[in-house]
Amino acid sequence: MAKITFIARMTVKPEKRPEFIRLCRQMQEHVRASEPEVLAYEFFKLREENRYAVLESFPDEATEHRHMNSKALAEIAPKISACLNGTWEREYFDGLE
């Protein structure tokens, strides 16, 4: 299957911002250290108030599934979600044809 790349945008509760940033950094460090096949995994602060995004890219569906089913994500993702005001919006990117 083709490469899978997406951005997920989210709004963070202002009082949860420090915890959110700490958890995002923890998740980034885990992916960089333990999932070398992941092409991109990075959180960003957007220019709108309390808005953040994560850019994720995987070479194939199997790699994405391993990441999505990882122990680290199972432990950290619920804590990240608890920092959000609402949920995230995911937008997928496809290569040029």
PDB file of N, CA and C in Angstrom:
ATOM      1  N   MET A   1       0.844  -1.189   0.000  1.00  0.00           N
ATOM      2  CA  MET A   1       0.000   0.000   0.000  1.00  0.00           C
ATOM      3  C   MET A   1       0.888   1.251   0.000  1.00  0.00           C
ATOM      4  N   ALA A   2       0.341   2.320  -0.463  1.00  0.00           N
ATOM      5  CA  ALA A   2       1.054   3.596  -0.559  1.00  0.00           C
ATOM      6  C   ALA A   2       1.315   4.206   0.817  1.00  0.00           C
ATOM      7  N   LYS A   3       2.212   5.143   0.815  1.00  0.00           N
ATOM      8  CA  LYS A   3       2.567   5.883   2.034  1.00  0.00           C
ATOM      9  C   LYS A   3       1.315   6.535   2.621  1.00  0.00           C
ATOM     10  N   ILE A   4       1.244   6.579   3.950  1.00  0.00           N
ATOM     11  CA  ILE A   4       0.125   7.185   4.677  1.00  0.00           C
ATOM     12  C   ILE A   4       0.665   8.396   5.419  1.00  0.00           C
ATOM     13  N   THR A   5       0.120   9.573   5.088  1.00  0.00           N
ATOM     14  CA  THR A   5       0.550  10.817   5.730  1.00  0.00           C
ATOM     15  C   THR A   5      -0.677  11.621   6.088  1.00  0.00           C
ATOM     16  N   PHE A   6      -0.694  12.159   7.298  1.00  0.00           N
ATOM     17  CA  PHE A   6      -1.813  13.014   7.701  1.00  0.00           C
ATOM     18  C   PHE A   6      -1.367  14.019   8.745  1.00  0.00           C
ATOM     19  N   ILE A   7      -2.202  15.028   8.900  1.00  0.00           N
ATOM     20  CA  ILE A   7      -2.052  16.000   9.971  1.00  0.00           C
ATOM     21  C   ILE A   7      -3.330  15.943  10.788  1.00  0.00           C
ATOM     22  N   ALA A   8      -3.184  15.953  12.093  1.00  0.00           N
ATOM     23  CA  ALA A   8      -4.336  16.004  12.989  1.00  0.00           C
ATOM     24  C   ALA A   8      -4.249  17.307  13.770  1.00  0.00           C
ATOM     25  N   ARG A   9      -5.280  18.119  13.636  1.00  0.00           N
ATOM     26  CA  ARG A   9      -5.326  19.412  14.332  1.00  0.00           C
ATOM     27  C   ARG A   9      -6.224  19.295  15.554  1.00  0.00           C
ATOM     28  N   MET A  10      -5.844  20.012  16.608  1.00  0.00           N
ATOM     29  CA  MET A  10      -6.603  19.915  17.857  1.00  0.00           C
ATOM     30  C   MET A  10      -6.509  21.218  18.646  1.00  0.00           C
ATOM     31  N   THR A  11      -7.480  21.411  19.528  1.00  0.00           N
ATOM     32  CA  THR A  11      -7.497  22.557  20.433  1.00  0.00           C
ATOM     33  C   THR A  11      -7.257  22.046  21.845  1.00  0.00           C
ATOM     34  N   VAL A  12      -6.337  22.687  22.545  1.00  0.00           N
ATOM     35  CA  VAL A  12      -5.956  22.272  23.890  1.00  0.00           C
ATOM     36  C   VAL A  12      -6.603  23.210  24.911  1.00  0.00           C
ATOM     37  N   LYS A  13      -7.079  22.626  26.004  1.00  0.00           N
ATOM     38  CA  LYS A  13      -7.595  23.431  27.105  1.00  0.00           C
ATOM     39  C   LYS A  13      -6.431  24.261  27.646  1.00  0.00           C
ATOM     40  N   PRO A  14      -6.622  25.573  27.798  1.00  0.00           N
ATOM     41  CA  PRO A  14      -5.504  26.434  28.220  1.00  0.00           C
ATOM     42  C   PRO A  14      -4.816  25.953  29.494  1.00  0.00           C
ATOM     43  N   GLU A  15      -5.566  25.497  30.455  1.00  0.00           N
ATOM     44  CA  GLU A  15      -4.985  25.060  31.727  1.00  0.00           C
ATOM     45  C   GLU A  15      -4.226  23.727  31.601  1.00  0.00           C
ATOM     46  N   LYS A  16      -4.432  23.018  30.504  1.00  0.00           N
ATOM     47  CA  LYS A  16      -3.783  21.731  30.278  1.00  0.00           C
ATOM     48  C   LYS A  16      -2.579  21.826  29.340  1.00  0.00           C
ATOM     49  N   ARG A  17      -2.281  23.032  28.859  1.00  0.00           N
ATOM     50  CA  ARG A  17      -1.220  23.209  27.876  1.00  0.00           C
ATOM     51  C   ARG A  17       0.134  22.629  28.341  1.00  0.00           C
ATOM     52  N   PRO A  18       0.624  22.922  29.566  1.00  0.00           N
ATOM     53  CA  PRO A  18       1.925  22.361  29.974  1.00  0.00           C
ATOM     54  C   PRO A  18       1.929  20.827  29.980  1.00  0.00           C
ATOM     55  N   GLU A  19       0.870  20.229  30.468  1.00  0.00           N
ATOM     56  CA  GLU A  19       0.789  18.761  30.488  1.00  0.00           C
ATOM     57  C   GLU A  19       0.737  18.213  29.061  1.00  0.00           C
ATOM     58  N   PHE A  20      -0.050  18.846  28.194  1.00  0.00           N
ATOM     59  CA  PHE A  20      -0.156  18.435  26.796  1.00  0.00           C
ATOM     60  C   PHE A  20       1.215  18.457  26.124  1.00  0.00           C
ATOM     61  N   ILE A  21       1.953  19.536  26.283  1.00  0.00           N
ATOM     62  CA  ILE A  21       3.272  19.661  25.666  1.00  0.00           C
ATOM     63  C   ILE A  21       4.221  18.594  26.206  1.00  0.00           C
ATOM     64  N   ARG A  22       4.190  18.352  27.491  1.00  0.00           N
ATOM     65  CA  ARG A  22       5.044  17.315  28.086  1.00  0.00           C
ATOM     66  C   ARG A  22       4.726  15.941  27.490  1.00  0.00           C
ATOM     67  N   LEU A  23       3.452  15.624  27.375  1.00  0.00           N
ATOM     68  CA  LEU A  23       3.037  14.332  26.830  1.00  0.00           C
ATOM     69  C   LEU A  23       3.391  14.203  25.351  1.00  0.00           C
ATOM     70  N   CYS A  24       3.219  15.272  24.598  1.00  0.00           N
ATOM     71  CA  CYS A  24       3.571  15.249  23.171  1.00  0.00           C
ATOM     72  C   CYS A  24       5.062  15.022  22.992  1.00  0.00           C
ATOM     73  N   ARG A  25       5.862  15.683  23.786  1.00  0.00           N
ATOM     74  CA  ARG A  25       7.317  15.481  23.703  1.00  0.00           C
ATOM     75  C   ARG A  25       7.681  14.041  24.068  1.00  0.00           C
ATOM     76  N   GLN A  26       7.012  13.506  25.072  1.00  0.00           N
ATOM     77  CA  GLN A  26       7.246  12.125  25.479  1.00  0.00           C
ATOM     78  C   GLN A  26       6.915  11.167  24.329  1.00  0.00           C
ATOM     79  N   MET A  27       5.801  11.416  23.650  1.00  0.00           N
ATOM     80  CA  MET A  27       5.402  10.554  22.544  1.00  0.00           C
ATOM     81  C   MET A  27       6.367  10.685  21.369  1.00  0.00           C
ATOM     82  N   GLN A  28       6.775  11.908  21.062  1.00  0.00           N
ATOM     83  CA  GLN A  28       7.755  12.124  19.989  1.00  0.00           C
ATOM     84  C   GLN A  28       9.050  11.376  20.278  1.00  0.00           C
ATOM     85  N   GLU A  29       9.539  11.483  21.506  1.00  0.00           N
ATOM     86  CA  GLU A  29      10.781  10.813  21.882  1.00  0.00           C
ATOM     87  C   GLU A  29      10.647   9.303  21.746  1.00  0.00           C
ATOM     88  N   HIS A  30       9.512   8.776  22.159  1.00  0.00           N
ATOM     89  CA  HIS A  30       9.289   7.333  22.029  1.00  0.00           C
ATOM     90  C   HIS A  30       9.340   6.902  20.569  1.00  0.00           C
ATOM     91  N   VAL A  31       8.635   7.615  19.715  1.00  0.00           N
ATOM     92  CA  VAL A  31       8.587   7.233  18.302  1.00  0.00           C
ATOM     93  C   VAL A  31       9.986   7.309  17.693  1.00  0.00           C
ATOM     94  N   ARG A  32      10.702   8.372  17.964  1.00  0.00           N
ATOM     95  CA  ARG A  32      12.062   8.511  17.409  1.00  0.00           C
ATOM     96  C   ARG A  32      12.992   7.398  17.891  1.00  0.00           C
ATOM     97  N   ALA A  33      12.850   6.986  19.137  1.00  0.00           N
ATOM     98  CA  ALA A  33      13.738   5.975  19.704  1.00  0.00           C
ATOM     99  C   ALA A  33      13.312   4.542  19.384  1.00  0.00           C
ATOM    100  N   SER A  34      12.017   4.309  19.267  1.00  0.00           N
ATOM    101  CA  SER A  34      11.515   2.935  19.191  1.00  0.00           C
ATOM    102  C   SER A  34      10.830   2.562  17.882  1.00  0.00           C
ATOM    103  N   GLU A  35      10.556   3.537  17.033  1.00  0.00           N
ATOM    104  CA  GLU A  35       9.847   3.252  15.786  1.00  0.00           C
ATOM    105  C   GLU A  35      10.594   3.900  14.613  1.00  0.00           C
ATOM    106  N   PRO A  36      11.810   3.420  14.331  1.00  0.00           N
ATOM    107  CA  PRO A  36      12.630   4.065  13.300  1.00  0.00           C
ATOM    108  C   PRO A  36      12.036   4.022  11.895  1.00  0.00           C
ATOM    109  N   GLU A  37      11.110   3.109  11.650  1.00  0.00           N
ATOM    110  CA  GLU A  37      10.494   3.024  10.330  1.00  0.00           C
ATOM    111  C   GLU A  37       9.459   4.133  10.079  1.00  0.00           C
ATOM    112  N   VAL A  38       9.028   4.829  11.127  1.00  0.00           N
ATOM    113  CA  VAL A  38       8.087   5.937  10.970  1.00  0.00           C
ATOM    114  C   VAL A  38       8.815   7.082  10.271  1.00  0.00           C
ATOM    115  N   LEU A  39       8.215   7.590   9.200  1.00  0.00           N
ATOM    116  CA  LEU A  39       8.856   8.622   8.382  1.00  0.00           C
ATOM    117  C   LEU A  39       8.812   9.999   9.037  1.00  0.00           C
ATOM    118  N   ALA A  40       7.700  10.317   9.692  1.00  0.00           N
ATOM    119  CA  ALA A  40       7.554  11.622  10.355  1.00  0.00           C
ATOM    120  C   ALA A  40       6.576  11.477  11.509  1.00  0.00           C
ATOM    121  N   TYR A  41       6.923  12.115  12.616  1.00  0.00           N
ATOM    122  CA  TYR A  41       6.024  12.161  13.772  1.00  0.00           C
ATOM    123  C   TYR A  41       6.451  13.365  14.595  1.00  0.00           C
ATOM    124  N   GLU A  42       5.721  14.462  14.431  1.00  0.00           N
ATOM    125  CA  GLU A  42       6.116  15.696  15.105  1.00  0.00           C
ATOM    126  C   GLU A  42       4.895  16.551  15.415  1.00  0.00           C
ATOM    127  N   PHE A  43       4.872  17.085  16.636  1.00  0.00           N
ATOM    128  CA  PHE A  43       3.822  18.008  17.053  1.00  0.00           C
ATOM    129  C   PHE A  43       4.256  19.432  16.758  1.00  0.00           C
ATOM    130  N   PHE A  44       3.277  20.285  16.474  1.00  0.00           N
ATOM    131  CA  PHE A  44       3.523  21.690  16.162  1.00  0.00           C
ATOM    132  C   PHE A  44       2.505  22.561  16.890  1.00  0.00           C
ATOM    133  N   LYS A  45       2.930  23.754  17.267  1.00  0.00           N
ATOM    134  CA  LYS A  45       2.022  24.793  17.769  1.00  0.00           C
ATOM    135  C   LYS A  45       1.539  25.560  16.551  1.00  0.00           C
ATOM    136  N   LEU A  46       0.236  25.660  16.396  1.00  0.00           N
ATOM    137  CA  LEU A  46      -0.333  26.445  15.304  1.00  0.00           C
ATOM    138  C   LEU A  46      -0.429  27.910  15.728  1.00  0.00           C
ATOM    139  N   ARG A  47      -0.708  28.767  14.798  1.00  0.00           N
ATOM    140  CA  ARG A  47      -0.730  30.200  15.118  1.00  0.00           C
ATOM    141  C   ARG A  47      -2.025  30.656  15.788  1.00  0.00           C
ATOM    142  N   GLU A  48      -3.054  29.836  15.727  1.00  0.00           N
ATOM    143  CA  GLU A  48      -4.300  30.154  16.429  1.00  0.00           C
ATOM    144  C   GLU A  48      -4.152  29.788  17.907  1.00  0.00           C
ATOM    145  N   GLU A  49      -4.809  30.549  18.744  1.00  0.00           N
ATOM    146  CA  GLU A  49      -4.749  30.358  20.198  1.00  0.00           C
ATOM    147  C   GLU A  49      -5.102  28.918  20.589  1.00  0.00           C
ATOM    148  N   ASN A  50      -4.225  28.292  21.354  1.00  0.00           N
ATOM    149  CA  ASN A  50      -4.435  26.950  21.911  1.00  0.00           C
ATOM    150  C   ASN A  50      -4.585  25.848  20.857  1.00  0.00           C
ATOM    151  N   ARG A  51      -4.105  26.089  19.649  1.00  0.00           N
ATOM    152  CA  ARG A  51      -4.239  25.100  18.567  1.00  0.00           C
ATOM    153  C   ARG A  51      -2.888  24.437  18.309  1.00  0.00           C
ATOM    154  N   TYR A  52      -2.943  23.137  18.140  1.00  0.00           N
ATOM    155  CA  TYR A  52      -1.764  22.322  17.904  1.00  0.00           C
ATOM    156  C   TYR A  52      -2.071  21.325  16.795  1.00  0.00           C
ATOM    157  N   ALA A  53      -1.013  20.700  16.283  1.00  0.00           N
ATOM    158  CA  ALA A  53      -1.180  19.673  15.259  1.00  0.00           C
ATOM    159  C   ALA A  53      -0.063  18.653  15.395  1.00  0.00           C
ATOM    160  N   VAL A  54      -0.346  17.455  14.917  1.00  0.00           N
ATOM    161  CA  VAL A  54       0.679  16.428  14.811  1.00  0.00           C
ATOM    162  C   VAL A  54       0.713  15.979  13.352  1.00  0.00           C
ATOM    163  N   LEU A  55       1.918  15.904  12.812  1.00  0.00           N
ATOM    164  CA  LEU A  55       2.136  15.425  11.456  1.00  0.00           C
ATOM    165  C   LEU A  55       2.702  14.016  11.570  1.00  0.00           C
ATOM    166  N   GLU A  56       2.030  13.069  10.925  1.00  0.00           N
ATOM    167  CA  GLU A  56       2.460  11.673  10.972  1.00  0.00           C
ATOM    168  C   GLU A  56       2.575  11.137   9.559  1.00  0.00           C
ATOM    169  N   SER A  57       3.629  10.365   9.321  1.00  0.00           N
ATOM    170  CA  SER A  57       3.814   9.753   8.011  1.00  0.00           C
ATOM    171  C   SER A  57       4.427   8.370   8.193  1.00  0.00           C
ATOM    172  N   PHE A  58       3.840   7.405   7.494  1.00  0.00           N
ATOM    173  CA  PHE A  58       4.235   6.011   7.585  1.00  0.00           C
ATOM    174  C   PHE A  58       4.475   5.474   6.178  1.00  0.00           C
ATOM    175  N   PRO A  59       5.461   4.604   6.006  1.00  0.00           N
ATOM    176  CA  PRO A  59       5.749   4.098   4.668  1.00  0.00           C
ATOM    177  C   PRO A  59       4.660   3.179   4.122  1.00  0.00           C
ATOM    178  N   ASP A  60       3.883   2.596   5.046  1.00  0.00           N
ATOM    179  CA  ASP A  60       2.836   1.660   4.621  1.00  0.00           C
ATOM    180  C   ASP A  60       1.832   1.461   5.756  1.00  0.00           C
ATOM    181  N   GLU A  61       0.764   0.749   5.444  1.00  0.00           N
ATOM    182  CA  GLU A  61      -0.310   0.518   6.410  1.00  0.00           C
ATOM    183  C   GLU A  61       0.158  -0.320   7.599  1.00  0.00           C
ATOM    184  N   ALA A  62       1.024  -1.284   7.355  1.00  0.00           N
ATOM    185  CA  ALA A  62       1.502  -2.145   8.445  1.00  0.00           C
ATOM    186  C   ALA A  62       2.249  -1.328   9.501  1.00  0.00           C
ATOM    187  N   THR A  63       3.061  -0.388   9.063  1.00  0.00           N
ATOM    188  CA  THR A  63       3.807   0.461  10.000  1.00  0.00           C
ATOM    189  C   THR A  63       2.847   1.342  10.792  1.00  0.00           C
ATOM    190  N   GLU A  64       1.846   1.890  10.117  1.00  0.00           N
ATOM    191  CA  GLU A  64       0.847   2.700  10.819  1.00  0.00           C
ATOM    192  C   GLU A  64       0.127   1.859  11.868  1.00  0.00           C
ATOM    193  N   HIS A  65      -0.249   0.638  11.535  1.00  0.00           N
ATOM    194  CA  HIS A  65      -0.949  -0.234  12.481  1.00  0.00           C
ATOM    195  C   HIS A  65      -0.074  -0.567  13.685  1.00  0.00           C
ATOM    196  N   ARG A  66       1.206  -0.830  13.454  1.00  0.00           N
ATOM    197  CA  ARG A  66       2.106  -1.097  14.586  1.00  0.00           C
ATOM    198  C   ARG A  66       2.169   0.111  15.517  1.00  0.00           C
ATOM    199  N   HIS A  67       2.267   1.301  14.923  1.00  0.00           N
ATOM    200  CA  HIS A  67       2.306   2.520  15.735  1.00  0.00           C
ATOM    201  C   HIS A  67       1.001   2.702  16.506  1.00  0.00           C
ATOM    202  N   MET A  68      -0.113   2.569  15.801  1.00  0.00           N
ATOM    203  CA  MET A  68      -1.415   2.803  16.431  1.00  0.00           C
ATOM    204  C   MET A  68      -1.730   1.784  17.525  1.00  0.00           C
ATOM    205  N   ASN A  69      -1.109   0.623  17.460  1.00  0.00           N
ATOM    206  CA  ASN A  69      -1.333  -0.425  18.457  1.00  0.00           C
ATOM    207  C   ASN A  69      -0.180  -0.560  19.450  1.00  0.00           C
ATOM    208  N   SER A  70       0.718   0.421  19.452  1.00  0.00           N
ATOM    209  CA  SER A  70       1.861   0.352  20.363  1.00  0.00           C
ATOM    210  C   SER A  70       1.433   0.574  21.808  1.00  0.00           C
ATOM    211  N   LYS A  71       2.188  -0.003  22.705  1.00  0.00           N
ATOM    212  CA  LYS A  71       1.927   0.148  24.141  1.00  0.00           C
ATOM    213  C   LYS A  71       2.042   1.618  24.555  1.00  0.00           C
ATOM    214  N   ALA A  72       3.054   2.301  24.014  1.00  0.00           N
ATOM    215  CA  ALA A  72       3.257   3.712  24.374  1.00  0.00           C
ATOM    216  C   ALA A  72       2.057   4.561  23.974  1.00  0.00           C
ATOM    217  N   LEU A  73       1.553   4.357  22.770  1.00  0.00           N
ATOM    218  CA  LEU A  73       0.406   5.146  22.337  1.00  0.00           C
ATOM    219  C   LEU A  73      -0.819   4.819  23.189  1.00  0.00           C
ATOM    220  N   ALA A  74      -0.994   3.553  23.528  1.00  0.00           N
ATOM    221  CA  ALA A  74      -2.123   3.156  24.376  1.00  0.00           C
ATOM    222  C   ALA A  74      -2.062   3.831  25.745  1.00  0.00           C
ATOM    223  N   GLU A  75      -0.846   4.062  26.244  1.00  0.00           N
ATOM    224  CA  GLU A  75      -0.684   4.691  27.555  1.00  0.00           C
ATOM    225  C   GLU A  75      -0.771   6.216  27.490  1.00  0.00           C
ATOM    226  N   ILE A  76      -0.199   6.803  26.452  1.00  0.00           N
ATOM    227  CA  ILE A  76      -0.084   8.264  26.398  1.00  0.00           C
ATOM    228  C   ILE A  76      -1.261   8.945  25.709  1.00  0.00           C
ATOM    229  N   ALA A  77      -1.806   8.335  24.667  1.00  0.00           N
ATOM    230  CA  ALA A  77      -2.880   8.975  23.894  1.00  0.00           C
ATOM    231  C   ALA A  77      -4.093   9.373  24.737  1.00  0.00           C
ATOM    232  N   PRO A  78      -4.571   8.525  25.660  1.00  0.00           N
ATOM    233  CA  PRO A  78      -5.712   8.958  26.479  1.00  0.00           C
ATOM    234  C   PRO A  78      -5.401  10.190  27.331  1.00  0.00           C
ATOM    235  N   LYS A  79      -4.155  10.306  27.769  1.00  0.00           N
ATOM    236  CA  LYS A  79      -3.753  11.470  28.567  1.00  0.00           C
ATOM    237  C   LYS A  79      -3.699  12.719  27.690  1.00  0.00           C
ATOM    238  N   ILE A  80      -3.231  12.558  26.452  1.00  0.00           N
ATOM    239  CA  ILE A  80      -3.240  13.681  25.510  1.00  0.00           C
ATOM    240  C   ILE A  80      -4.675  14.093  25.221  1.00  0.00           C
ATOM    241  N   SER A  81      -5.535  13.114  24.964  1.00  0.00           N
ATOM    242  CA  SER A  81      -6.946  13.404  24.666  1.00  0.00           C
ATOM    243  C   SER A  81      -7.629  14.144  25.809  1.00  0.00           C
ATOM    244  N   ALA A  82      -7.244  13.830  27.043  1.00  0.00           N
ATOM    245  CA  ALA A  82      -7.840  14.497  28.211  1.00  0.00           C
ATOM    246  C   ALA A  82      -7.479  15.976  28.272  1.00  0.00           C
ATOM    247  N   CYS A  83      -6.446  16.377  27.563  1.00  0.00           N
ATOM    248  CA  CYS A  83      -6.020  17.777  27.525  1.00  0.00           C
ATOM    249  C   CYS A  83      -6.759  18.582  26.455  1.00  0.00           C
ATOM    250  N   LEU A  84      -7.505  17.896  25.611  1.00  0.00           N
ATOM    251  CA  LEU A  84      -8.129  18.562  24.471  1.00  0.00           C
ATOM    252  C   LEU A  84      -9.494  19.126  24.785  1.00  0.00           C
ATOM    253  N   ASN A  85      -9.810  20.194  24.096  1.00  0.00           N
ATOM    254  CA  ASN A  85     -11.155  20.769  24.101  1.00  0.00           C
ATOM    255  C   ASN A  85     -11.835  20.198  22.860  1.00  0.00           C
ATOM    256  N   GLY A  86     -12.592  19.129  23.035  1.00  0.00           N
ATOM    257  CA  GLY A  86     -13.187  18.435  21.901  1.00  0.00           C
ATOM    258  C   GLY A  86     -12.263  17.325  21.445  1.00  0.00           C
ATOM    259  N   THR A  87     -12.237  17.107  20.147  1.00  0.00           N
ATOM    260  CA  THR A  87     -11.410  16.045  19.585  1.00  0.00           C
ATOM    261  C   THR A  87     -10.505  16.624  18.512  1.00  0.00           C
ATOM    262  N   TRP A  88      -9.848  15.798  17.755  1.00  0.00           N
ATOM    263  CA  TRP A  88      -8.956  16.255  16.698  1.00  0.00           C
ATOM    264  C   TRP A  88      -9.624  16.080  15.345  1.00  0.00           C
ATOM    265  N   GLU A  89      -9.124  16.812  14.374  1.00  0.00           N
ATOM    266  CA  GLU A  89      -9.587  16.702  12.993  1.00  0.00           C
ATOM    267  C   GLU A  89      -8.405  16.220  12.172  1.00  0.00           C
ATOM    268  N   ARG A  90      -8.576  15.114  11.463  1.00  0.00           N
ATOM    269  CA  ARG A  90      -7.492  14.517  10.696  1.00  0.00           C
ATOM    270  C   ARG A  90      -7.677  14.819   9.212  1.00  0.00           C
ATOM    271  N   GLU A  91      -6.589  15.207   8.561  1.00  0.00           N
ATOM    272  CA  GLU A  91      -6.581  15.494   7.127  1.00  0.00           C
ATOM    273  C   GLU A  91      -5.451  14.687   6.493  1.00  0.00           C
ATOM    274  N   TYR A  92      -5.800  13.847   5.511  1.00  0.00           N
ATOM    275  CA  TYR A  92      -4.827  12.984   4.844  1.00  0.00           C
ATOM    276  C   TYR A  92      -4.242  13.655   3.618  1.00  0.00           C
ATOM    277  N   PHE A  93      -2.988  13.312   3.336  1.00  0.00           N
ATOM    278  CA  PHE A  93      -2.282  13.826   2.161  1.00  0.00           C
ATOM    279  C   PHE A  93      -1.930  12.641   1.265  1.00  0.00           C
ATOM    280  N   ASP A  94      -2.096  12.824  -0.018  1.00  0.00           N
ATOM    281  CA  ASP A  94      -1.680  11.832  -1.006  1.00  0.00           C
ATOM    282  C   ASP A  94      -0.630  12.454  -1.913  1.00  0.00           C
ATOM    283  N   GLY A  95       0.275  11.627  -2.382  1.00  0.00           N
ATOM    284  CA  GLY A  95       1.312  12.109  -3.291  1.00  0.00           C
ATOM    285  C   GLY A  95       0.705  12.569  -4.611  1.00  0.00           C
ATOM    286  N   LEU A  96       1.442  13.367  -5.317  1.00  0.00           N
ATOM    287  CA  LEU A  96       0.992  13.820  -6.637  1.00  0.00           C
ATOM    288  C   LEU A  96       0.990  12.634  -7.595  1.00  0.00           C
ATOM    289  N   GLU A  97      -0.016  12.618  -8.447  1.00  0.00           N
ATOM    290  CA  GLU A  97      -0.107  11.514  -9.419  1.00  0.00           C
ATOM    291  C   GLU A  97       0.450  11.934 -10.742  1.00  0.00           C
TER     292      GLU A  97
END
